[in-house]
């Protein structure tokens, strides 16, 4: 599936690794369960490290290791599950995470602009979305009413 990073098609430098699989060389994405079980070995690899969170796993559970991660993948099990929106916003605003926040799984065209607003900057596109549709979705909202992690000026401020 195509990866969009910072609005452009990109190569994925990360390898997603199952919990029981050996770690390859280079940047990897592991589950929160594996991060907890192999914390010292993973953090000691001196390679870029990403963690994949299910919608049940809050980013606050990463705790003090967040500053040593370069990527957090937020999994959408189905488009009706909105918790990853909250996790992205918490990562950017409350936890001040400056690494990559990636949306993956079952999200919809209509949700892309909102995902960007809450702090997602990369996307593994589901089969129904093409890079062209992704670009079109980014332009769907030109003005916004509420502040978010993207720092866009809200309509009230533009009126002043």
N, C-alpha and C. Protein backbone atom coordinates (compact mmCIF):
# COMPACT_ATOMS: atom_id res chain seq x y z
N UNK A 1 0.84 -1.18 0.00
CA UNK A 1 0.00 0.00 0.00
C UNK A 1 0.89 1.24 0.00
N UNK A 2 0.48 2.27 -0.73
CA UNK A 2 1.31 3.47 -0.82
C UNK A 2 1.45 4.19 0.52
N UNK A 3 2.62 4.79 0.71
CA UNK A 3 2.89 5.61 1.89
C UNK A 3 2.95 7.06 1.44
N UNK A 4 2.19 7.90 2.12
CA UNK A 4 2.24 9.34 1.90
C UNK A 4 2.90 9.95 3.14
N UNK A 5 3.94 10.73 2.91
CA UNK A 5 4.63 11.40 4.02
C UNK A 5 4.79 12.87 3.66
N UNK A 6 4.36 13.73 4.56
CA UNK A 6 4.39 15.17 4.32
C UNK A 6 3.71 15.53 2.99
N UNK A 7 2.61 14.83 2.68
CA UNK A 7 1.81 15.13 1.52
C UNK A 7 2.30 14.53 0.21
N UNK A 8 3.40 13.80 0.23
CA UNK A 8 3.99 13.25 -1.00
C UNK A 8 4.16 11.74 -0.89
N UNK A 9 4.13 11.05 -2.03
CA UNK A 9 4.46 9.62 -2.04
C UNK A 9 5.89 9.45 -1.53
N UNK A 10 6.10 8.44 -0.71
CA UNK A 10 7.42 8.23 -0.12
C UNK A 10 7.71 6.74 0.00
N UNK A 11 9.00 6.42 0.04
CA UNK A 11 9.42 5.06 0.32
C UNK A 11 9.39 4.87 1.83
N UNK A 12 8.97 3.71 2.26
CA UNK A 12 8.93 3.41 3.69
C UNK A 12 10.27 2.82 4.10
N UNK A 13 11.00 3.53 4.94
CA UNK A 13 12.31 3.04 5.38
C UNK A 13 12.19 2.02 6.51
N UNK A 14 10.99 1.89 7.08
CA UNK A 14 10.77 1.01 8.22
C UNK A 14 10.30 -0.37 7.77
N UNK A 15 10.69 -1.37 8.57
CA UNK A 15 10.18 -2.73 8.38
C UNK A 15 9.31 -3.06 9.58
N UNK A 16 8.05 -3.42 9.33
CA UNK A 16 7.16 -3.84 10.42
C UNK A 16 7.54 -5.27 10.79
N UNK A 17 7.75 -5.51 12.08
CA UNK A 17 8.25 -6.80 12.55
C UNK A 17 7.24 -7.42 13.51
N UNK A 18 6.83 -8.65 13.23
CA UNK A 18 5.95 -9.38 14.13
C UNK A 18 6.65 -9.64 15.46
N UNK A 19 5.86 -9.86 16.49
CA UNK A 19 6.42 -10.04 17.83
C UNK A 19 7.41 -11.19 17.93
N UNK A 20 7.20 -12.27 17.22
CA UNK A 20 8.07 -13.45 17.33
C UNK A 20 9.19 -13.45 16.30
N UNK A 21 9.19 -12.53 15.35
CA UNK A 21 10.18 -12.52 14.27
C UNK A 21 11.49 -11.89 14.73
N UNK A 22 12.60 -12.35 14.17
CA UNK A 22 13.88 -11.71 14.48
C UNK A 22 13.93 -10.30 13.90
N UNK A 23 14.71 -9.45 14.51
CA UNK A 23 14.82 -8.06 14.06
C UNK A 23 15.81 -7.96 12.90
N UNK A 24 15.38 -7.35 11.80
CA UNK A 24 16.32 -7.13 10.70
C UNK A 24 17.19 -5.90 10.99
N UNK A 25 18.18 -5.69 10.18
CA UNK A 25 18.96 -4.46 10.28
C UNK A 25 18.09 -3.30 9.81
N UNK A 26 18.38 -2.12 10.30
CA UNK A 26 17.67 -0.93 9.86
C UNK A 26 16.49 -0.58 10.74
N UNK A 27 15.78 0.47 10.34
CA UNK A 27 14.62 0.94 11.11
C UNK A 27 13.50 -0.09 11.14
N UNK A 28 12.89 -0.25 12.32
CA UNK A 28 11.81 -1.22 12.49
C UNK A 28 10.62 -0.59 13.20
N UNK A 29 9.46 -1.23 12.99
CA UNK A 29 8.23 -0.90 13.72
C UNK A 29 7.85 -2.14 14.51
N UNK A 30 7.68 -1.97 15.81
CA UNK A 30 7.30 -3.09 16.68
C UNK A 30 6.00 -2.75 17.41
N UNK A 31 5.39 -3.75 17.97
CA UNK A 31 4.18 -3.53 18.76
C UNK A 31 4.57 -2.96 20.13
N UNK A 32 3.60 -2.38 20.82
CA UNK A 32 3.83 -1.91 22.18
C UNK A 32 4.23 -3.07 23.08
N UNK A 33 3.60 -4.22 22.87
CA UNK A 33 3.92 -5.41 23.66
C UNK A 33 5.40 -5.78 23.52
N UNK A 34 5.90 -5.76 22.29
CA UNK A 34 7.31 -6.10 22.07
C UNK A 34 8.23 -5.02 22.63
N UNK A 35 7.84 -3.77 22.49
CA UNK A 35 8.65 -2.69 23.06
C UNK A 35 8.80 -2.87 24.56
N UNK A 36 7.72 -3.21 25.22
CA UNK A 36 7.80 -3.43 26.67
C UNK A 36 8.66 -4.63 27.02
N UNK A 37 8.51 -5.71 26.25
CA UNK A 37 9.23 -6.95 26.56
C UNK A 37 10.72 -6.86 26.25
N UNK A 38 11.09 -6.11 25.20
CA UNK A 38 12.49 -6.06 24.75
C UNK A 38 13.02 -4.64 24.77
N UNK A 39 12.56 -3.85 25.70
CA UNK A 39 12.85 -2.42 25.74
C UNK A 39 14.34 -2.11 25.60
N UNK A 40 15.16 -2.67 26.46
CA UNK A 40 16.59 -2.33 26.46
C UNK A 40 17.26 -2.70 25.14
N UNK A 41 16.95 -3.88 24.62
CA UNK A 41 17.56 -4.32 23.36
C UNK A 41 17.12 -3.44 22.20
N UNK A 42 15.84 -3.09 22.15
CA UNK A 42 15.34 -2.26 21.06
C UNK A 42 15.90 -0.85 21.12
N UNK A 43 15.90 -0.26 22.28
CA UNK A 43 16.41 1.11 22.42
C UNK A 43 17.92 1.17 22.26
N UNK A 44 18.59 0.08 22.52
CA UNK A 44 20.05 0.03 22.41
C UNK A 44 20.56 -0.26 21.01
N UNK A 45 19.69 -0.48 20.04
CA UNK A 45 20.09 -0.84 18.69
C UNK A 45 20.75 0.31 17.92
N UNK A 46 20.54 1.52 18.34
CA UNK A 46 21.06 2.69 17.63
C UNK A 46 20.54 2.76 16.20
N UNK A 47 19.27 2.42 16.03
CA UNK A 47 18.56 2.50 14.75
C UNK A 47 17.24 3.23 15.01
N UNK A 48 16.66 3.77 13.95
CA UNK A 48 15.35 4.38 14.12
C UNK A 48 14.37 3.31 14.55
N UNK A 49 13.49 3.70 15.50
CA UNK A 49 12.54 2.76 16.06
C UNK A 49 11.14 3.36 16.05
N UNK A 50 10.19 2.57 15.58
CA UNK A 50 8.80 2.96 15.60
C UNK A 50 8.00 1.96 16.40
N UNK A 51 6.88 2.43 16.95
CA UNK A 51 5.98 1.55 17.69
C UNK A 51 4.58 1.69 17.11
N UNK A 52 3.89 0.57 16.97
CA UNK A 52 2.53 0.57 16.46
C UNK A 52 1.58 0.42 17.63
N UNK A 53 0.63 1.37 17.72
CA UNK A 53 -0.37 1.34 18.78
C UNK A 53 -1.71 0.95 18.19
N UNK A 54 -2.37 0.01 18.84
CA UNK A 54 -3.75 -0.29 18.47
C UNK A 54 -4.63 0.81 19.04
N UNK A 55 -5.89 0.82 18.66
CA UNK A 55 -6.76 1.88 19.16
C UNK A 55 -7.02 1.77 20.66
N UNK A 56 -6.74 0.61 21.24
CA UNK A 56 -6.92 0.43 22.69
C UNK A 56 -5.70 0.91 23.49
N UNK A 57 -4.59 1.20 22.82
CA UNK A 57 -3.34 1.54 23.50
C UNK A 57 -3.06 3.04 23.42
N UNK A 58 -3.15 3.71 24.54
CA UNK A 58 -2.90 5.14 24.59
C UNK A 58 -1.41 5.43 24.42
N UNK A 59 -1.06 6.52 23.74
CA UNK A 59 0.35 6.88 23.63
C UNK A 59 0.98 7.23 24.97
N UNK A 60 0.16 7.55 25.95
CA UNK A 60 0.71 7.83 27.28
C UNK A 60 1.35 6.58 27.88
N UNK A 61 0.99 5.39 27.38
CA UNK A 61 1.57 4.15 27.88
C UNK A 61 3.02 3.97 27.43
N UNK A 62 3.45 4.75 26.46
CA UNK A 62 4.85 4.68 26.03
C UNK A 62 5.75 5.34 27.06
N UNK A 63 5.18 6.33 27.74
CA UNK A 63 5.90 6.96 28.84
C UNK A 63 7.17 7.67 28.43
N UNK A 64 8.21 7.45 29.20
CA UNK A 64 9.46 8.17 29.00
C UNK A 64 10.23 7.72 27.77
N UNK A 65 9.80 6.66 27.10
CA UNK A 65 10.50 6.19 25.90
C UNK A 65 10.11 6.97 24.66
N UNK A 66 9.11 7.81 24.74
CA UNK A 66 8.62 8.52 23.57
C UNK A 66 9.71 9.35 22.90
N UNK A 67 10.58 9.96 23.67
CA UNK A 67 11.63 10.79 23.09
C UNK A 67 12.70 9.98 22.37
N UNK A 68 12.68 8.66 22.52
CA UNK A 68 13.64 7.80 21.84
C UNK A 68 13.05 7.11 20.62
N UNK A 69 11.78 7.42 20.33
CA UNK A 69 11.11 6.85 19.17
C UNK A 69 11.10 7.87 18.03
N UNK A 70 11.19 7.38 16.81
CA UNK A 70 11.12 8.28 15.66
C UNK A 70 9.78 8.20 14.95
N UNK A 71 8.97 7.19 15.28
CA UNK A 71 7.70 6.98 14.60
C UNK A 71 6.70 6.33 15.55
N UNK A 72 5.46 6.82 15.51
CA UNK A 72 4.34 6.16 16.18
C UNK A 72 3.28 5.91 15.11
N UNK A 73 2.93 4.63 14.93
CA UNK A 73 1.90 4.25 13.97
C UNK A 73 0.60 4.06 14.75
N UNK A 74 -0.44 4.74 14.31
CA UNK A 74 -1.76 4.64 14.93
C UNK A 74 -2.65 3.81 14.03
N UNK A 75 -3.07 2.66 14.52
CA UNK A 75 -3.86 1.72 13.73
C UNK A 75 -5.35 2.00 13.87
N UNK A 76 -6.02 2.19 12.74
CA UNK A 76 -7.47 2.33 12.69
C UNK A 76 -8.06 0.96 12.36
N UNK A 77 -8.65 0.27 13.35
CA UNK A 77 -9.22 -1.04 13.05
C UNK A 77 -10.45 -0.94 12.15
N UNK A 78 -11.18 0.15 12.29
CA UNK A 78 -12.33 0.45 11.43
C UNK A 78 -12.54 1.96 11.49
N UNK A 79 -13.10 2.50 10.42
CA UNK A 79 -13.19 3.96 10.33
C UNK A 79 -14.06 4.57 11.42
N UNK A 80 -14.93 3.78 12.04
CA UNK A 80 -15.81 4.32 13.09
C UNK A 80 -15.10 4.45 14.44
N UNK A 81 -13.90 3.92 14.56
CA UNK A 81 -13.15 3.99 15.81
C UNK A 81 -12.30 5.26 15.79
N UNK A 82 -12.70 6.27 16.54
CA UNK A 82 -12.02 7.56 16.50
C UNK A 82 -10.90 7.74 17.49
N UNK A 83 -10.59 6.72 18.28
CA UNK A 83 -9.53 6.90 19.28
C UNK A 83 -8.18 7.31 18.69
N UNK A 84 -7.78 6.80 17.52
CA UNK A 84 -6.49 7.27 16.99
C UNK A 84 -6.44 8.78 16.73
N UNK A 85 -7.58 9.42 16.48
CA UNK A 85 -7.59 10.89 16.37
C UNK A 85 -7.13 11.50 17.69
N UNK A 86 -7.68 10.99 18.79
CA UNK A 86 -7.29 11.50 20.11
C UNK A 86 -5.83 11.20 20.39
N UNK A 87 -5.37 10.01 20.01
CA UNK A 87 -3.97 9.65 20.28
C UNK A 87 -3.01 10.57 19.52
N UNK A 88 -3.35 10.91 18.28
CA UNK A 88 -2.50 11.83 17.52
C UNK A 88 -2.44 13.19 18.19
N UNK A 89 -3.58 13.69 18.60
CA UNK A 89 -3.61 15.01 19.25
C UNK A 89 -2.83 14.99 20.57
N UNK A 90 -3.00 13.91 21.35
CA UNK A 90 -2.24 13.80 22.61
C UNK A 90 -0.75 13.75 22.33
N UNK A 91 -0.34 12.99 21.31
CA UNK A 91 1.08 12.92 20.97
C UNK A 91 1.65 14.29 20.66
N UNK A 92 0.93 15.06 19.87
CA UNK A 92 1.45 16.36 19.43
C UNK A 92 1.33 17.46 20.48
N UNK A 93 0.22 17.50 21.20
CA UNK A 93 0.01 18.64 22.10
C UNK A 93 0.45 18.35 23.53
N UNK A 94 -0.02 17.29 24.10
CA UNK A 94 0.28 17.00 25.50
C UNK A 94 1.68 16.41 25.67
N UNK A 95 2.06 15.46 24.81
CA UNK A 95 3.34 14.77 24.96
C UNK A 95 4.46 15.41 24.15
N UNK A 96 4.13 16.39 23.32
CA UNK A 96 5.11 17.16 22.53
C UNK A 96 5.98 16.28 21.64
N UNK A 97 5.40 15.21 21.09
CA UNK A 97 6.14 14.30 20.21
C UNK A 97 6.42 14.99 18.89
N UNK A 98 7.69 15.02 18.48
CA UNK A 98 8.08 15.70 17.26
C UNK A 98 8.42 14.74 16.13
N UNK A 99 8.35 13.44 16.39
CA UNK A 99 8.62 12.46 15.35
C UNK A 99 7.44 12.30 14.42
N UNK A 100 7.52 11.26 13.61
CA UNK A 100 6.47 10.98 12.63
C UNK A 100 5.29 10.29 13.30
N UNK A 101 4.08 10.76 12.99
CA UNK A 101 2.84 10.12 13.43
C UNK A 101 2.14 9.62 12.17
N UNK A 102 1.98 8.30 12.09
CA UNK A 102 1.46 7.65 10.88
C UNK A 102 0.10 7.03 11.14
N UNK A 103 -0.86 7.34 10.25
CA UNK A 103 -2.17 6.69 10.29
C UNK A 103 -2.13 5.47 9.38
N UNK A 104 -2.68 4.38 9.89
CA UNK A 104 -2.69 3.13 9.14
C UNK A 104 -4.00 2.41 9.40
N UNK A 105 -4.48 1.67 8.42
CA UNK A 105 -5.70 0.90 8.63
C UNK A 105 -6.88 1.47 7.88
N UNK A 106 -8.04 1.37 8.49
CA UNK A 106 -9.30 1.69 7.83
C UNK A 106 -9.76 3.11 8.15
N UNK A 107 -9.19 4.08 7.44
CA UNK A 107 -9.69 5.46 7.55
C UNK A 107 -10.21 5.88 6.19
N UNK A 108 -11.05 6.91 6.19
CA UNK A 108 -11.77 7.31 4.98
C UNK A 108 -11.25 8.63 4.40
N UNK A 109 -11.59 8.86 3.16
CA UNK A 109 -11.27 10.10 2.46
C UNK A 109 -11.68 11.31 3.30
N UNK A 110 -12.90 11.26 3.83
CA UNK A 110 -13.43 12.39 4.61
C UNK A 110 -12.66 12.66 5.89
N UNK A 111 -11.86 11.71 6.34
CA UNK A 111 -11.14 11.86 7.59
C UNK A 111 -9.72 12.38 7.42
N UNK A 112 -9.22 12.42 6.20
CA UNK A 112 -7.82 12.78 5.97
C UNK A 112 -7.48 14.18 6.47
N UNK A 113 -8.27 15.17 6.12
CA UNK A 113 -7.98 16.54 6.55
C UNK A 113 -7.99 16.65 8.07
N UNK A 114 -8.89 15.93 8.71
CA UNK A 114 -8.94 15.96 10.18
C UNK A 114 -7.72 15.26 10.78
N UNK A 115 -7.27 14.19 10.15
CA UNK A 115 -6.07 13.49 10.64
C UNK A 115 -4.85 14.40 10.57
N UNK A 116 -4.74 15.16 9.51
CA UNK A 116 -3.64 16.12 9.40
C UNK A 116 -3.76 17.17 10.49
N UNK A 117 -4.97 17.65 10.74
CA UNK A 117 -5.18 18.69 11.75
C UNK A 117 -4.75 18.23 13.13
N UNK A 118 -4.98 16.94 13.47
CA UNK A 118 -4.64 16.47 14.81
C UNK A 118 -3.19 16.04 14.93
N UNK A 119 -2.44 16.00 13.83
CA UNK A 119 -1.02 15.76 13.94
C UNK A 119 -0.44 14.62 13.13
N UNK A 120 -1.24 13.91 12.36
CA UNK A 120 -0.67 12.85 11.51
C UNK A 120 0.07 13.50 10.34
N UNK A 121 1.27 13.02 10.08
CA UNK A 121 2.03 13.55 8.95
C UNK A 121 2.43 12.48 7.95
N UNK A 122 2.03 11.23 8.19
CA UNK A 122 2.22 10.19 7.19
C UNK A 122 1.04 9.22 7.25
N UNK A 123 0.81 8.56 6.11
CA UNK A 123 -0.39 7.74 5.96
C UNK A 123 -0.07 6.52 5.10
N UNK A 124 -0.46 5.35 5.58
CA UNK A 124 -0.46 4.17 4.74
C UNK A 124 -1.86 4.13 4.15
N UNK A 125 -1.96 4.37 2.86
CA UNK A 125 -3.27 4.51 2.25
C UNK A 125 -4.00 3.17 2.16
N UNK A 126 -5.25 3.14 2.60
CA UNK A 126 -6.06 1.93 2.42
C UNK A 126 -6.34 1.72 0.92
N UNK A 127 -6.74 0.52 0.53
CA UNK A 127 -6.94 0.22 -0.89
C UNK A 127 -7.90 1.15 -1.62
N UNK A 128 -8.88 1.70 -0.95
CA UNK A 128 -9.87 2.55 -1.61
C UNK A 128 -9.35 3.96 -1.91
N UNK A 129 -8.19 4.32 -1.38
CA UNK A 129 -7.66 5.67 -1.58
C UNK A 129 -6.41 5.64 -2.45
N UNK A 130 -6.38 6.54 -3.40
CA UNK A 130 -5.20 6.70 -4.26
C UNK A 130 -4.44 7.95 -3.81
N UNK A 131 -3.20 8.09 -4.21
CA UNK A 131 -2.47 9.33 -3.88
C UNK A 131 -3.17 10.58 -4.41
N UNK A 132 -3.84 10.47 -5.55
CA UNK A 132 -4.56 11.61 -6.12
C UNK A 132 -5.76 12.00 -5.24
N UNK A 133 -6.49 11.01 -4.78
CA UNK A 133 -7.61 11.29 -3.86
C UNK A 133 -7.09 11.87 -2.56
N UNK A 134 -5.97 11.39 -2.08
CA UNK A 134 -5.38 11.93 -0.86
C UNK A 134 -5.10 13.42 -1.02
N UNK A 135 -4.47 13.79 -2.12
CA UNK A 135 -4.15 15.20 -2.36
C UNK A 135 -5.42 16.05 -2.43
N UNK A 136 -6.45 15.52 -3.07
CA UNK A 136 -7.71 16.26 -3.16
C UNK A 136 -8.33 16.44 -1.77
N UNK A 137 -8.23 15.41 -0.94
CA UNK A 137 -8.80 15.48 0.42
C UNK A 137 -8.12 16.55 1.26
N UNK A 138 -6.84 16.79 1.03
CA UNK A 138 -6.13 17.80 1.80
C UNK A 138 -6.69 19.20 1.58
N UNK A 139 -7.27 19.44 0.43
CA UNK A 139 -7.82 20.76 0.12
C UNK A 139 -9.29 20.92 0.44
N UNK A 140 -9.89 19.94 1.05
CA UNK A 140 -11.33 19.98 1.33
C UNK A 140 -11.71 21.06 2.34
N UNK A 141 -10.86 21.35 3.29
CA UNK A 141 -11.18 22.37 4.32
C UNK A 141 -10.19 23.52 4.21
N UNK A 142 -10.69 24.67 3.81
CA UNK A 142 -9.80 25.83 3.72
C UNK A 142 -9.86 26.69 4.99
N UNK A 143 -10.98 26.66 5.68
CA UNK A 143 -11.14 27.43 6.91
C UNK A 143 -11.62 26.49 8.01
N UNK A 144 -11.20 26.78 9.24
CA UNK A 144 -11.54 25.90 10.36
C UNK A 144 -12.06 26.71 11.54
N UNK A 145 -12.88 26.07 12.35
CA UNK A 145 -13.48 26.72 13.51
C UNK A 145 -12.75 26.45 14.81
N UNK A 146 -12.06 25.32 14.90
CA UNK A 146 -11.45 24.93 16.17
C UNK A 146 -9.94 24.85 16.05
N UNK A 147 -9.22 25.22 17.11
CA UNK A 147 -7.77 25.05 17.09
C UNK A 147 -7.41 23.57 17.13
N UNK A 148 -6.27 23.24 16.54
CA UNK A 148 -5.80 21.86 16.54
C UNK A 148 -4.28 21.85 16.51
N UNK A 149 -3.71 20.68 16.42
CA UNK A 149 -2.25 20.53 16.44
C UNK A 149 -1.57 21.11 15.21
N UNK A 150 -2.32 21.35 14.14
CA UNK A 150 -1.69 21.87 12.92
C UNK A 150 -1.39 23.36 12.98
N UNK A 151 -1.92 24.07 13.98
CA UNK A 151 -1.63 25.48 14.15
C UNK A 151 -2.34 26.41 13.18
N UNK A 152 -3.29 25.88 12.41
CA UNK A 152 -4.04 26.72 11.48
C UNK A 152 -4.82 27.79 12.23
N UNK A 153 -4.86 29.00 11.66
CA UNK A 153 -5.68 30.06 12.27
C UNK A 153 -7.14 29.70 12.13
N UNK A 154 -7.88 29.94 13.21
CA UNK A 154 -9.31 29.63 13.19
C UNK A 154 -10.08 30.86 12.67
N UNK A 155 -11.31 30.61 12.27
CA UNK A 155 -12.12 31.67 11.67
C UNK A 155 -12.26 32.88 12.59
N UNK A 156 -12.44 32.67 13.87
CA UNK A 156 -12.57 33.80 14.82
C UNK A 156 -11.34 34.69 14.75
N UNK A 157 -10.16 34.10 14.69
CA UNK A 157 -8.94 34.90 14.63
C UNK A 157 -8.79 35.62 13.29
N UNK A 158 -9.27 35.00 12.24
CA UNK A 158 -9.19 35.64 10.93
C UNK A 158 -10.12 36.84 10.83
N UNK A 159 -11.24 36.79 11.57
CA UNK A 159 -12.19 37.90 11.57
C UNK A 159 -11.66 39.11 12.32
N UNK A 160 -10.81 38.89 13.29
CA UNK A 160 -10.32 39.97 14.15
C UNK A 160 -9.38 40.90 13.44
